[in-house]
Protein backbone atom coordinates (compact mmCIF):
# COMPACT_ATOMS: atom_id res chain seq x y z
CA MET A 1 73.17 -42.03 70.79
CA LYS A 2 73.38 -40.82 67.20
CA ILE A 3 70.60 -38.32 67.88
CA LEU A 4 72.50 -36.91 70.86
CA THR A 5 75.73 -36.53 68.92
CA SER A 6 73.87 -34.97 66.00
CA ALA A 7 72.27 -32.51 68.39
CA ILE A 8 75.70 -31.60 69.78
CA ALA A 9 77.04 -31.06 66.27
CA ALA A 10 74.03 -28.91 65.36
CA ALA A 11 74.40 -26.83 68.53
CA THR A 12 78.10 -26.32 67.81
CA LEU A 13 77.32 -25.18 64.30
CA LEU A 14 74.70 -22.74 65.51
CA MET A 15 77.01 -21.26 68.12
CA SER A 16 80.01 -20.75 65.85
CA ALA A 17 81.26 -17.22 65.36
CA GLN A 18 80.64 -17.39 61.63
CA ALA A 19 76.99 -18.25 62.09
CA TRP A 20 76.48 -15.28 64.41
CA ALA A 21 78.37 -12.95 62.09
CA GLN A 22 75.99 -13.75 59.23
CA THR A 23 72.83 -12.93 61.17
CA GLU A 24 70.97 -9.97 59.64
CA THR A 25 68.38 -7.73 61.21
CA THR A 26 65.47 -7.22 58.85
CA THR A 27 63.57 -4.64 60.89
CA PRO A 28 65.06 -1.34 61.95
CA PRO A 29 65.38 -0.67 65.68
CA ALA A 30 62.45 1.17 67.27
CA THR A 31 64.66 4.09 68.26
CA PRO A 32 67.98 5.11 66.77
CA PRO A 33 71.00 4.23 68.90
CA ALA A 34 72.28 6.92 71.22
CA PRO A 35 75.32 8.77 69.90
CA ALA A 36 78.62 7.58 71.28
CA ALA A 37 80.03 9.52 74.18
CA PRO A 38 82.95 11.76 73.24
CA ALA A 39 86.27 10.02 73.58
CA GLN A 40 88.25 10.84 76.68
CA THR A 41 91.55 12.55 76.02
CA GLN A 42 94.60 13.39 78.07
CA CYS A 43 95.37 16.30 75.76
CA ALA A 44 94.69 19.95 76.41
CA ALA A 45 91.50 21.47 75.05
CA ILE A 46 91.82 23.68 72.02
CA ALA A 47 90.95 27.23 73.00
CA PRO A 48 88.54 29.22 70.83
CA ALA A 49 90.25 31.01 67.97
CA PRO A 50 90.94 34.70 68.42
CA ALA A 51 88.74 37.24 66.69
CA ILE A 52 90.03 38.26 63.28
CA PRO A 53 89.26 41.84 62.25
CA ASP A 54 87.70 42.72 58.90
CA GLY A 55 90.54 43.62 56.57
CA ALA A 56 88.35 46.16 54.76
CA THR A 57 87.90 48.29 57.87
CA ALA A 58 90.74 47.37 60.28
CA ASN A 59 93.79 49.54 60.78
CA ARG A 60 97.41 48.39 60.88
CA ARG A 61 97.50 48.17 64.70
CA GLN A 62 94.37 45.96 64.80
CA LEU A 63 95.83 43.60 62.21
CA ALA A 64 99.16 43.44 64.07
CA GLU A 65 97.34 42.61 67.32
CA ALA A 66 95.27 39.98 65.53
CA ASP A 67 98.44 38.45 64.08
CA THR A 68 100.08 38.33 67.54
CA ALA A 69 96.95 36.75 69.06
CA TYR A 70 96.75 34.25 66.22
CA ARG A 71 100.39 33.20 66.58
CA ALA A 72 99.97 32.63 70.33
CA TRP A 73 96.75 30.68 69.77
CA ALA A 74 98.20 28.66 66.88
CA THR A 75 101.14 27.49 68.98
CA THR A 76 98.94 26.03 71.72
CA ALA A 77 96.31 24.76 69.27
CA GLN A 78 98.96 22.97 67.19
CA ALA A 79 100.42 21.35 70.33
CA ALA A 80 96.95 20.10 71.31
CA LEU A 81 96.31 18.82 67.78
CA ASN A 82 99.65 16.98 67.75
CA CYS A 83 98.80 15.42 71.12
CA ARG A 84 95.41 14.26 69.86
CA ARG A 85 96.90 12.85 66.66
CA ASP A 86 99.46 10.86 68.68
CA GLU A 87 96.74 9.69 71.07
CA ALA A 88 94.50 8.62 68.18
CA ASN A 89 97.35 6.71 66.52
CA ALA A 90 98.10 4.89 69.80
CA ARG A 91 94.43 3.93 70.22
CA LEU A 92 94.26 2.77 66.60
CA ALA A 93 97.29 0.53 67.15
CA GLU A 94 95.63 -0.89 70.27
CA ALA A 95 92.38 -1.51 68.39
CA ASN A 96 94.27 -3.24 65.56
CA SER A 97 96.01 -5.47 68.11
CA LEU A 98 92.70 -6.39 69.75
CA ALA A 99 91.16 -7.15 66.35
CA ALA A 100 94.08 -9.45 65.50
CA GLN A 101 93.67 -11.25 68.83
CA TYR A 102 89.94 -11.65 68.13
CA ARG A 103 90.56 -13.09 64.66
CA GLU A 104 93.09 -15.56 66.06
CA ALA A 105 90.71 -16.67 68.83
CA ALA A 106 87.77 -16.95 66.41
CA THR A 107 89.86 -19.11 64.07
CA ALA A 108 90.81 -21.41 66.95
CA PHE A 109 87.19 -21.51 68.12
CA ASN A 110 85.93 -22.46 64.66
CA ALA A 111 88.65 -25.11 64.29
CA VAL A 112 87.48 -26.82 67.48
CA GLY A 113 83.87 -26.78 66.26
CA THR A 114 84.93 -28.20 62.91
CA GLN A 115 86.96 -30.91 64.62
CA LEU A 116 84.00 -31.85 66.83
CA GLN A 117 81.69 -32.04 63.82
CA ALA A 118 84.16 -34.30 62.01
CA GLU A 119 84.44 -36.59 65.02
CA VAL A 120 80.65 -36.76 65.39
CA ALA A 121 80.33 -37.58 61.68
CA GLU A 122 82.96 -40.31 62.06
CA PHE A 123 81.13 -41.68 65.11
CA ASN A 124 77.79 -41.66 63.30
CA ALA A 125 79.31 -43.46 60.33
CA ARG A 126 80.05 -46.54 62.48
């Protein structure tokens, strides 16, 4: 019976989150991992920037047109950037919440394993 309970304790120890977290890979993977897919966004795409004329050769009208085009582009580009910033901050908050939930669950998981090991040790001491 002591062998069985010792085996249970050993299996619990091996399966704990901390034991898995400390595992290291000593050989590199055969192929590099594929790059992550681009994140999906609900925000508008940022349009290509307008052409900016060469100040050394452009005339006043060309620079005025470039300024007008830039101002129109900058307004929509800034709105898209603000949307993406807000979206990224919301996803970061969600990720932080999930990480906190994970840490809480891992702590509870490890506590149960520790309790089982203590009870097995107490049983084996009889």
